[in-house]
Amino acid sequence: MRRIVVGAAAAFTLTALLFGVATAAQHDLTEGEVTKIDLPTERITLKHEPIKSLDMDGMTMLFRVQDKAMLTAVKVGDKVKFRAERIEGRITLTYIERTK
């Protein structure tokens, strides 16, 4: 019986931690709009709000993508939420999702 209780408590704690991480990850997303997709150079242009994690004002900017699949996950005119990070000195999209 004790093992079941300990196992259940561990599962609950793990779920709470994972939910907290997912919720925290949602808070560092920035809203924007896709204005151009350049398949040959693997870049997406976004008109975006300020990117707090990069201390960057809102603007229209060209981004490299970390994963080529991002290029077909969105289309011009889509409203998106995204995460951009500085990787090897270059600002790169590491996550993007369409919003409603």
PDB file of N, CA and C in Angstrom:
ATOM      1  N   MET A   1       0.824  -1.193   0.000  1.00  0.00           N
ATOM      2  CA  MET A   1       0.000   0.000   0.000  1.00  0.00           C
ATOM      3  C   MET A   1       0.868   1.257   0.000  1.00  0.00           C
ATOM      4  N   ARG A   2       1.933   1.214   0.793  1.00  0.00           N
ATOM      5  CA  ARG A   2       2.806   2.381   0.892  1.00  0.00           C
ATOM      6  C   ARG A   2       3.461   2.674  -0.452  1.00  0.00           C
ATOM      7  N   ARG A   3       3.845   1.643  -1.198  1.00  0.00           N
ATOM      8  CA  ARG A   3       4.463   1.836  -2.507  1.00  0.00           C
ATOM      9  C   ARG A   3       3.499   2.517  -3.474  1.00  0.00           C
ATOM     10  N   ILE A   4       2.246   2.162  -3.404  1.00  0.00           N
ATOM     11  CA  ILE A   4       1.242   2.776  -4.277  1.00  0.00           C
ATOM     12  C   ILE A   4       1.116   4.256  -3.966  1.00  0.00           C
ATOM     13  N   VAL A   5       1.068   4.596  -2.675  1.00  0.00           N
ATOM     14  CA  VAL A   5       0.949   5.998  -2.275  1.00  0.00           C
ATOM     15  C   VAL A   5       2.179   6.786  -2.700  1.00  0.00           C
ATOM     16  N   VAL A   6       3.365   6.235  -2.486  1.00  0.00           N
ATOM     17  CA  VAL A   6       4.606   6.907  -2.873  1.00  0.00           C
ATOM     18  C   VAL A   6       4.661   7.059  -4.393  1.00  0.00           C
ATOM     19  N   GLY A   7       4.284   6.017  -5.115  1.00  0.00           N
ATOM     20  CA  GLY A   7       4.271   6.077  -6.580  1.00  0.00           C
ATOM     21  C   GLY A   7       3.301   7.128  -7.083  1.00  0.00           C
ATOM     22  N   ALA A   8       2.121   7.185  -6.491  1.00  0.00           N
ATOM     23  CA  ALA A   8       1.120   8.174  -6.888  1.00  0.00           C
ATOM     24  C   ALA A   8       1.614   9.587  -6.589  1.00  0.00           C
ATOM     25  N   ALA A   9       2.245   9.768  -5.449  1.00  0.00           N
ATOM     26  CA  ALA A   9       2.774  11.088  -5.090  1.00  0.00           C
ATOM     27  C   ALA A   9       3.876  11.502  -6.060  1.00  0.00           C
ATOM     28  N   ALA A  10       4.727  10.562  -6.424  1.00  0.00           N
ATOM     29  CA  ALA A  10       5.798  10.870  -7.380  1.00  0.00           C
ATOM     30  C   ALA A  10       5.221  11.229  -8.738  1.00  0.00           C
ATOM     31  N   ALA A  11       4.211  10.491  -9.177  1.00  0.00           N
ATOM     32  CA  ALA A  11       3.575  10.787 -10.465  1.00  0.00           C
ATOM     33  C   ALA A  11       2.913  12.158 -10.435  1.00  0.00           C
ATOM     34  N   PHE A  12       2.260  12.482  -9.344  1.00  0.00           N
ATOM     35  CA  PHE A  12       1.609  13.789  -9.209  1.00  0.00           C
ATOM     36  C   PHE A  12       2.652  14.904  -9.243  1.00  0.00           C
ATOM     37  N   THR A  13       3.743  14.730  -8.522  1.00  0.00           N
ATOM     38  CA  THR A  13       4.807  15.733  -8.487  1.00  0.00           C
ATOM     39  C   THR A  13       5.418  15.928  -9.868  1.00  0.00           C
ATOM     40  N   LEU A  14       5.679  14.837 -10.573  1.00  0.00           N
ATOM     41  CA  LEU A  14       6.247  14.917 -11.915  1.00  0.00           C
ATOM     42  C   LEU A  14       5.289  15.644 -12.860  1.00  0.00           C
ATOM     43  N   THR A  15       4.006  15.319 -12.783  1.00  0.00           N
ATOM     44  CA  THR A  15       3.012  15.986 -13.623  1.00  0.00           C
ATOM     45  C   THR A  15       2.975  17.476 -13.321  1.00  0.00           C
ATOM     46  N   ALA A  16       2.990  17.848 -12.057  1.00  0.00           N
ATOM     47  CA  ALA A  16       2.967  19.265 -11.666  1.00  0.00           C
ATOM     48  C   ALA A  16       4.207  19.985 -12.182  1.00  0.00           C
ATOM     49  N   LEU A  17       5.360  19.343 -12.088  1.00  0.00           N
ATOM     50  CA  LEU A  17       6.588  19.958 -12.583  1.00  0.00           C
ATOM     51  C   LEU A  17       6.541  20.144 -14.094  1.00  0.00           C
ATOM     52  N   LEU A  18       6.099  19.121 -14.810  1.00  0.00           N
ATOM     53  CA  LEU A  18       6.021  19.225 -16.256  1.00  0.00           C
ATOM     54  C   LEU A  18       5.017  20.278 -16.677  1.00  0.00           C
ATOM     55  N   PHE A  19       3.887  20.361 -15.997  1.00  0.00           N
ATOM     56  CA  PHE A  19       2.885  21.374 -16.317  1.00  0.00           C
ATOM     57  C   PHE A  19       3.464  22.758 -16.057  1.00  0.00           C
ATOM     58  N   GLY A  20       4.198  22.912 -14.971  1.00  0.00           N
ATOM     59  CA  GLY A  20       4.826  24.198 -14.652  1.00  0.00           C
ATOM     60  C   GLY A  20       5.828  24.603 -15.709  1.00  0.00           C
ATOM     61  N   VAL A  21       6.608  23.662 -16.205  1.00  0.00           N
ATOM     62  CA  VAL A  21       7.583  23.953 -17.259  1.00  0.00           C
ATOM     63  C   VAL A  21       6.861  24.345 -18.532  1.00  0.00           C
ATOM     64  N   ALA A  22       5.805  23.613 -18.879  1.00  0.00           N
ATOM     65  CA  ALA A  22       5.046  23.938 -20.092  1.00  0.00           C
ATOM     66  C   ALA A  22       4.416  25.317 -19.971  1.00  0.00           C
ATOM     67  N   THR A  23       3.876  25.623 -18.812  1.00  0.00           N
ATOM     68  CA  THR A  23       3.265  26.934 -18.607  1.00  0.00           C
ATOM     69  C   THR A  23       4.322  28.023 -18.683  1.00  0.00           C
ATOM     70  N   ALA A  24       5.470  27.806 -18.066  1.00  0.00           N
ATOM     71  CA  ALA A  24       6.549  28.790 -18.112  1.00  0.00           C
ATOM     72  C   ALA A  24       7.029  28.989 -19.541  1.00  0.00           C
ATOM     73  N   ALA A  25       7.105  27.907 -20.301  1.00  0.00           N
ATOM     74  CA  ALA A  25       7.557  28.004 -21.689  1.00  0.00           C
ATOM     75  C   ALA A  25       6.593  28.842 -22.521  1.00  0.00           C
ATOM     76  N   GLN A  26       5.303  28.759 -22.224  1.00  0.00           N
ATOM     77  CA  GLN A  26       4.319  29.546 -22.957  1.00  0.00           C
ATOM     78  C   GLN A  26       4.522  31.039 -22.697  1.00  0.00           C
ATOM     79  N   HIS A  27       5.029  31.387 -21.526  1.00  0.00           N
ATOM     80  CA  HIS A  27       5.200  32.800 -21.173  1.00  0.00           C
ATOM     81  C   HIS A  27       6.342  33.467 -21.926  1.00  0.00           C
ATOM     82  N   ASP A  28       7.293  32.710 -22.455  1.00  0.00           N
ATOM     83  CA  ASP A  28       8.397  33.339 -23.173  1.00  0.00           C
ATOM     84  C   ASP A  28       8.168  33.355 -24.684  1.00  0.00           C
ATOM     85  N   LEU A  29       6.931  33.095 -25.112  1.00  0.00           N
ATOM     86  CA  LEU A  29       6.601  33.177 -26.534  1.00  0.00           C
ATOM     87  C   LEU A  29       6.246  34.614 -26.897  1.00  0.00           C
ATOM     88  N   THR A  30       6.569  34.998 -28.118  1.00  0.00           N
ATOM     89  CA  THR A  30       6.298  36.338 -28.633  1.00  0.00           C
ATOM     90  C   THR A  30       5.275  36.210 -29.752  1.00  0.00           C
ATOM     91  N   GLU A  31       4.389  37.184 -29.851  1.00  0.00           N
ATOM     92  CA  GLU A  31       3.387  37.171 -30.911  1.00  0.00           C
ATOM     93  C   GLU A  31       3.895  37.918 -32.129  1.00  0.00           C
ATOM     94  N   GLY A  32       3.474  37.450 -33.291  1.00  0.00           N
ATOM     95  CA  GLY A  32       3.886  38.099 -34.522  1.00  0.00           C
ATOM     96  C   GLY A  32       3.016  37.668 -35.684  1.00  0.00           C
ATOM     97  N   GLU A  33       3.407  38.113 -36.883  1.00  0.00           N
ATOM     98  CA  GLU A  33       2.709  37.756 -38.113  1.00  0.00           C
ATOM     99  C   GLU A  33       3.746  37.445 -39.181  1.00  0.00           C
ATOM    100  N   VAL A  34       3.519  36.355 -39.912  1.00  0.00           N
ATOM    101  CA  VAL A  34       4.427  35.952 -40.985  1.00  0.00           C
ATOM    102  C   VAL A  34       4.209  36.885 -42.176  1.00  0.00           C
ATOM    103  N   THR A  35       5.293  37.539 -42.618  1.00  0.00           N
ATOM    104  CA  THR A  35       5.187  38.425 -43.781  1.00  0.00           C
ATOM    105  C   THR A  35       5.878  37.856 -45.012  1.00  0.00           C
ATOM    106  N   LYS A  36       6.807  36.897 -44.806  1.00  0.00           N
ATOM    107  CA  LYS A  36       7.498  36.294 -45.946  1.00  0.00           C
ATOM    108  C   LYS A  36       8.128  34.975 -45.509  1.00  0.00           C
ATOM    109  N   ILE A  37       8.151  34.019 -46.415  1.00  0.00           N
ATOM    110  CA  ILE A  37       8.846  32.749 -46.196  1.00  0.00           C
ATOM    111  C   ILE A  37       9.792  32.552 -47.372  1.00  0.00           C
ATOM    112  N   ASP A  38      11.076  32.391 -47.078  1.00  0.00           N
ATOM    113  CA  ASP A  38      12.094  32.214 -48.114  1.00  0.00           C
ATOM    114  C   ASP A  38      12.648  30.792 -48.001  1.00  0.00           C
ATOM    115  N   LEU A  39      12.091  29.886 -48.793  1.00  0.00           N
ATOM    116  CA  LEU A  39      12.499  28.481 -48.728  1.00  0.00           C
ATOM    117  C   LEU A  39      13.969  28.259 -49.062  1.00  0.00           C
ATOM    118  N   PRO A  40      14.509  28.863 -50.145  1.00  0.00           N
ATOM    119  CA  PRO A  40      15.919  28.596 -50.495  1.00  0.00           C
ATOM    120  C   PRO A  40      16.911  28.987 -49.393  1.00  0.00           C
ATOM    121  N   THR A  41      16.647  30.095 -48.697  1.00  0.00           N
ATOM    122  CA  THR A  41      17.593  30.527 -47.654  1.00  0.00           C
ATOM    123  C   THR A  41      17.180  30.058 -46.258  1.00  0.00           C
ATOM    124  N   GLU A  42      16.035  29.345 -46.185  1.00  0.00           N
ATOM    125  CA  GLU A  42      15.524  28.810 -44.920  1.00  0.00           C
ATOM    126  C   GLU A  42      15.338  29.900 -43.874  1.00  0.00           C
ATOM    127  N   ARG A  43      14.575  30.940 -44.274  1.00  0.00           N
ATOM    128  CA  ARG A  43      14.317  32.058 -43.372  1.00  0.00           C
ATOM    129  C   ARG A  43      12.849  32.459 -43.436  1.00  0.00           C
ATOM    130  N   ILE A  44      12.381  32.983 -42.322  1.00  0.00           N
ATOM    131  CA  ILE A  44      11.014  33.493 -42.206  1.00  0.00           C
ATOM    132  C   ILE A  44      11.088  34.944 -41.731  1.00  0.00           C
ATOM    133  N   THR A  45      10.328  35.817 -42.381  1.00  0.00           N
ATOM    134  CA  THR A  45      10.244  37.202 -41.949  1.00  0.00           C
ATOM    135  C   THR A  45       8.979  37.362 -41.117  1.00  0.00           C
ATOM    136  N   LEU A  46       9.138  37.941 -39.924  1.00  0.00           N
ATOM    137  CA  LEU A  46       8.032  38.156 -39.003  1.00  0.00           C
ATOM    138  C   LEU A  46       7.934  39.625 -38.618  1.00  0.00           C
ATOM    139  N   LYS A  47       6.719  40.145 -38.570  1.00  0.00           N
ATOM    140  CA  LYS A  47       6.435  41.431 -37.938  1.00  0.00           C
ATOM    141  C   LYS A  47       6.050  41.048 -36.514  1.00  0.00           C
ATOM    142  N   HIS A  48       6.869  41.453 -35.536  1.00  0.00           N
ATOM    143  CA  HIS A  48       6.681  40.922 -34.185  1.00  0.00           C
ATOM    144  C   HIS A  48       6.652  41.993 -33.107  1.00  0.00           C
ATOM    145  N   GLU A  49       6.092  41.585 -31.972  1.00  0.00           N
ATOM    146  CA  GLU A  49       6.102  42.403 -30.761  1.00  0.00           C
ATOM    147  C   GLU A  49       7.507  42.360 -30.168  1.00  0.00           C
ATOM    148  N   PRO A  50       7.773  43.149 -29.120  1.00  0.00           N
ATOM    149  CA  PRO A  50       9.094  43.075 -28.475  1.00  0.00           C
ATOM    150  C   PRO A  50       9.419  41.653 -28.014  1.00  0.00           C
ATOM    151  N   ILE A  51      10.665  41.262 -28.206  1.00  0.00           N
ATOM    152  CA  ILE A  51      11.142  39.952 -27.745  1.00  0.00           C
ATOM    153  C   ILE A  51      11.906  40.199 -26.447  1.00  0.00           C
ATOM    154  N   LYS A  52      11.241  39.967 -25.333  1.00  0.00           N
ATOM    155  CA  LYS A  52      11.807  40.285 -24.018  1.00  0.00           C
ATOM    156  C   LYS A  52      13.101  39.528 -23.744  1.00  0.00           C
ATOM    157  N   SER A  53      13.140  38.243 -24.091  1.00  0.00           N
ATOM    158  CA  SER A  53      14.323  37.430 -23.783  1.00  0.00           C
ATOM    159  C   SER A  53      15.573  37.910 -24.523  1.00  0.00           C
ATOM    160  N   LEU A  54      15.385  38.639 -25.632  1.00  0.00           N
ATOM    161  CA  LEU A  54      16.520  39.160 -26.394  1.00  0.00           C
ATOM    162  C   LEU A  54      16.664  40.672 -26.242  1.00  0.00           C
ATOM    163  N   ASP A  55      15.830  41.272 -25.382  1.00  0.00           N
ATOM    164  CA  ASP A  55      15.828  42.719 -25.164  1.00  0.00           C
ATOM    165  C   ASP A  55      15.730  43.454 -26.507  1.00  0.00           C
ATOM    166  N   MET A  56      14.738  43.031 -27.312  1.00  0.00           N
ATOM    167  CA  MET A  56      14.585  43.559 -28.669  1.00  0.00           C
ATOM    168  C   MET A  56      13.207  44.205 -28.817  1.00  0.00           C
ATOM    169  N   ASP A  57      13.181  45.386 -29.420  1.00  0.00           N
ATOM    170  CA  ASP A  57      11.915  46.069 -29.688  1.00  0.00           C
ATOM    171  C   ASP A  57      11.134  45.334 -30.762  1.00  0.00           C
ATOM    172  N   GLY A  58       9.845  45.666 -30.861  1.00  0.00           N
ATOM    173  CA  GLY A  58       9.023  45.133 -31.924  1.00  0.00           C
ATOM    174  C   GLY A  58       9.479  45.686 -33.267  1.00  0.00           C
ATOM    175  N   MET A  59       9.425  44.872 -34.302  1.00  0.00           N
ATOM    176  CA  MET A  59       9.869  45.276 -35.638  1.00  0.00           C
ATOM    177  C   MET A  59       9.515  44.189 -36.641  1.00  0.00           C
ATOM    178  N   THR A  60       9.855  44.397 -37.892  1.00  0.00           N
ATOM    179  CA  THR A  60       9.778  43.352 -38.911  1.00  0.00           C
ATOM    180  C   THR A  60      11.197  42.868 -39.143  1.00  0.00           C
ATOM    181  N   MET A  61      11.391  41.562 -39.069  1.00  0.00           N
ATOM    182  CA  MET A  61      12.746  41.023 -39.067  1.00  0.00           C
ATOM    183  C   MET A  61      12.788  39.645 -39.717  1.00  0.00           C
ATOM    184  N   LEU A  62      13.906  39.352 -40.330  1.00  0.00           N
ATOM    185  CA  LEU A  62      14.181  38.067 -40.956  1.00  0.00           C
ATOM    186  C   LEU A  62      14.821  37.142 -39.922  1.00  0.00           C
ATOM    187  N   PHE A  63      14.325  35.902 -39.823  1.00  0.00           N
ATOM    188  CA  PHE A  63      14.859  34.933 -38.866  1.00  0.00           C
ATOM    189  C   PHE A  63      15.307  33.668 -39.578  1.00  0.00           C
ATOM    190  N   ARG A  64      16.431  33.127 -39.163  1.00  0.00           N
ATOM    191  CA  ARG A  64      16.817  31.770 -39.562  1.00  0.00           C
ATOM    192  C   ARG A  64      15.904  30.820 -38.806  1.00  0.00           C
ATOM    193  N   VAL A  65      15.717  29.613 -39.333  1.00  0.00           N
ATOM    194  CA  VAL A  65      14.927  28.614 -38.619  1.00  0.00           C
ATOM    195  C   VAL A  65      15.833  27.490 -38.154  1.00  0.00           C
ATOM    196  N   GLN A  66      15.549  26.983 -36.967  1.00  0.00           N
ATOM    197  CA  GLN A  66      16.339  25.883 -36.426  1.00  0.00           C
ATOM    198  C   GLN A  66      15.982  24.566 -37.127  1.00  0.00           C
ATOM    199  N   ASP A  67      14.706  24.457 -37.542  1.00  0.00           N
ATOM    200  CA  ASP A  67      14.217  23.243 -38.173  1.00  0.00           C
ATOM    201  C   ASP A  67      13.503  23.612 -39.470  1.00  0.00           C
ATOM    202  N   LYS A  68      13.897  22.998 -40.573  1.00  0.00           N
ATOM    203  CA  LYS A  68      13.308  23.302 -41.889  1.00  0.00           C
ATOM    204  C   LYS A  68      11.797  23.098 -41.924  1.00  0.00           C
ATOM    205  N   ALA A  69      11.279  22.229 -41.062  1.00  0.00           N
ATOM    206  CA  ALA A  69       9.835  21.971 -41.026  1.00  0.00           C
ATOM    207  C   ALA A  69       9.044  23.225 -40.671  1.00  0.00           C
ATOM    208  N   MET A  70       9.676  24.175 -40.003  1.00  0.00           N
ATOM    209  CA  MET A  70       9.009  25.433 -39.649  1.00  0.00           C
ATOM    210  C   MET A  70       8.592  26.207 -40.895  1.00  0.00           C
ATOM    211  N   LEU A  71       9.334  26.035 -41.975  1.00  0.00           N
ATOM    212  CA  LEU A  71       9.067  26.774 -43.209  1.00  0.00           C
ATOM    213  C   LEU A  71       7.725  26.401 -43.836  1.00  0.00           C
ATOM    214  N   THR A  72       7.273  25.184 -43.591  1.00  0.00           N
ATOM    215  CA  THR A  72       5.995  24.745 -44.145  1.00  0.00           C
ATOM    216  C   THR A  72       4.896  24.663 -43.092  1.00  0.00           C
ATOM    217  N   ALA A  73       5.235  24.922 -41.840  1.00  0.00           N
ATOM    218  CA  ALA A  73       4.250  24.873 -40.752  1.00  0.00           C
ATOM    219  C   ALA A  73       3.379  26.127 -40.719  1.00  0.00           C
ATOM    220  N   VAL A  74       3.847  27.197 -41.353  1.00  0.00           N
ATOM    221  CA  VAL A  74       3.115  28.466 -41.378  1.00  0.00           C
ATOM    222  C   VAL A  74       3.082  28.995 -42.802  1.00  0.00           C
ATOM    223  N   LYS A  75       2.206  29.977 -43.014  1.00  0.00           N
ATOM    224  CA  LYS A  75       2.159  30.619 -44.338  1.00  0.00           C
ATOM    225  C   LYS A  75       2.056  32.127 -44.152  1.00  0.00           C
ATOM    226  N   VAL A  76       2.350  32.867 -45.198  1.00  0.00           N
ATOM    227  CA  VAL A  76       2.296  34.326 -45.146  1.00  0.00           C
ATOM    228  C   VAL A  76       0.895  34.752 -44.701  1.00  0.00           C
ATOM    229  N   GLY A  77       0.858  35.672 -43.758  1.00  0.00           N
ATOM    230  CA  GLY A  77      -0.399  36.175 -43.210  1.00  0.00           C
ATOM    231  C   GLY A  77      -0.806  35.505 -41.916  1.00  0.00           C
ATOM    232  N   ASP A  78      -0.194  34.360 -41.574  1.00  0.00           N
ATOM    233  CA  ASP A  78      -0.535  33.670 -40.328  1.00  0.00           C
ATOM    234  C   ASP A  78      -0.115  34.501 -39.121  1.00  0.00           C
ATOM    235  N   LYS A  79      -0.981  34.544 -38.124  1.00  0.00           N
ATOM    236  CA  LYS A  79      -0.623  35.072 -36.810  1.00  0.00           C
ATOM    237  C   LYS A  79       0.062  33.923 -36.086  1.00  0.00           C
ATOM    238  N   VAL A  80       1.165  34.215 -35.410  1.00  0.00           N
ATOM    239  CA  VAL A  80       1.954  33.163 -34.775  1.00  0.00           C
ATOM    240  C   VAL A  80       2.412  33.574 -33.380  1.00  0.00           C
ATOM    241  N   LYS A  81       2.797  32.557 -32.623  1.00  0.00           N
ATOM    242  CA  LYS A  81       3.569  32.730 -31.395  1.00  0.00           C
ATOM    243  C   LYS A  81       4.878  32.001 -31.664  1.00  0.00           C
ATOM    244  N   PHE A  82       5.974  32.596 -31.217  1.00  0.00           N
ATOM    245  CA  PHE A  82       7.267  31.998 -31.535  1.00  0.00           C
ATOM    246  C   PHE A  82       8.267  32.253 -30.424  1.00  0.00           C
ATOM    247  N   ARG A  83       9.345  31.489 -30.482  1.00  0.00           N
ATOM    248  CA  ARG A  83      10.479  31.690 -29.576  1.00  0.00           C
ATOM    249  C   ARG A  83      11.700  31.880 -30.457  1.00  0.00           C
ATOM    250  N   ALA A  84      12.465  32.908 -30.166  1.00  0.00           N
ATOM    251  CA  ALA A  84      13.724  33.155 -30.868  1.00  0.00           C
ATOM    252  C   ALA A  84      14.839  33.161 -29.843  1.00  0.00           C
ATOM    253  N   GLU A  85      15.953  32.562 -30.206  1.00  0.00           N
ATOM    254  CA  GLU A  85      17.110  32.495 -29.312  1.00  0.00           C
ATOM    255  C   GLU A  85      18.364  32.839 -30.093  1.00  0.00           C
ATOM    256  N   ARG A  86      19.377  33.295 -29.366  1.00  0.00           N
ATOM    257  CA  ARG A  86      20.672  33.558 -29.980  1.00  0.00           C
ATOM    258  C   ARG A  86      21.460  32.252 -29.952  1.00  0.00           C
ATOM    259  N   ILE A  87      21.703  31.684 -31.129  1.00  0.00           N
ATOM    260  CA  ILE A  87      22.440  30.431 -31.250  1.00  0.00           C
ATOM    261  C   ILE A  87      23.658  30.687 -32.126  1.00  0.00           C
ATOM    262  N   GLU A  88      24.817  30.440 -31.563  1.00  0.00           N
ATOM    263  CA  GLU A  88      26.086  30.685 -32.260  1.00  0.00           C
ATOM    264  C   GLU A  88      26.131  32.097 -32.827  1.00  0.00           C
ATOM    265  N   GLY A  89      25.642  33.054 -32.039  1.00  0.00           N
ATOM    266  CA  GLY A  89      25.693  34.457 -32.429  1.00  0.00           C
ATOM    267  C   GLY A  89      24.606  34.906 -33.384  1.00  0.00           C
ATOM    268  N   ARG A  90      23.723  34.002 -33.791  1.00  0.00           N
ATOM    269  CA  ARG A  90      22.667  34.347 -34.745  1.00  0.00           C
ATOM    270  C   ARG A  90      21.298  34.168 -34.087  1.00  0.00           C
ATOM    271  N   ILE A  91      20.412  35.113 -34.337  1.00  0.00           N
ATOM    272  CA  ILE A  91      19.064  34.993 -33.803  1.00  0.00           C
ATOM    273  C   ILE A  91      18.303  34.002 -34.673  1.00  0.00           C
ATOM    274  N   THR A  92      17.790  32.960 -34.014  1.00  0.00           N
ATOM    275  CA  THR A  92      17.200  31.822 -34.708  1.00  0.00           C
ATOM    276  C   THR A  92      15.829  31.495 -34.119  1.00  0.00           C
ATOM    277  N   LEU A  93      14.859  31.185 -34.986  1.00  0.00           N
ATOM    278  CA  LEU A  93      13.568  30.698 -34.514  1.00  0.00           C
ATOM    279  C   LEU A  93      13.753  29.275 -34.037  1.00  0.00           C
ATOM    280  N   THR A  94      13.395  29.021 -32.781  1.00  0.00           N
ATOM    281  CA  THR A  94      13.499  27.678 -32.237  1.00  0.00           C
ATOM    282  C   THR A  94      12.137  27.029 -32.049  1.00  0.00           C
ATOM    283  N   TYR A  95      11.067  27.845 -32.169  1.00  0.00           N
ATOM    284  CA  TYR A  95       9.706  27.335 -32.032  1.00  0.00           C
ATOM    285  C   TYR A  95       8.768  28.301 -32.717  1.00  0.00           C
ATOM    286  N   ILE A  96       7.757  27.781 -33.408  1.00  0.00           N
ATOM    287  CA  ILE A  96       6.733  28.634 -34.001  1.00  0.00           C
ATOM    288  C   ILE A  96       5.436  27.831 -34.068  1.00  0.00           C
ATOM    289  N   GLU A  97       4.317  28.505 -33.779  1.00  0.00           N
ATOM    290  CA  GLU A  97       3.007  27.889 -33.895  1.00  0.00           C
ATOM    291  C   GLU A  97       2.003  28.918 -34.390  1.00  0.00           C
ATOM    292  N   ARG A  98       1.063  28.468 -35.210  1.00  0.00           N
ATOM    293  CA  ARG A  98      -0.009  29.356 -35.655  1.00  0.00           C
ATOM    294  C   ARG A  98      -0.974  29.585 -34.510  1.00  0.00           C
ATOM    295  N   THR A  99      -1.552  30.792 -34.461  1.00  0.00           N
ATOM    296  CA  THR A  99      -2.576  31.079 -33.466  1.00  0.00           C
ATOM    297  C   THR A  99      -3.871  31.389 -34.198  1.00  0.00           C
ATOM    298  N   LYS A 100      -4.940  31.464 -33.450  1.00  0.00           N
ATOM    299  CA  LYS A 100      -6.253  31.735 -34.050  1.00  0.00           C
ATOM    300  C   LYS A 100      -6.521  33.201 -34.169  1.00  0.00           C
TER     301      LYS A 100
END
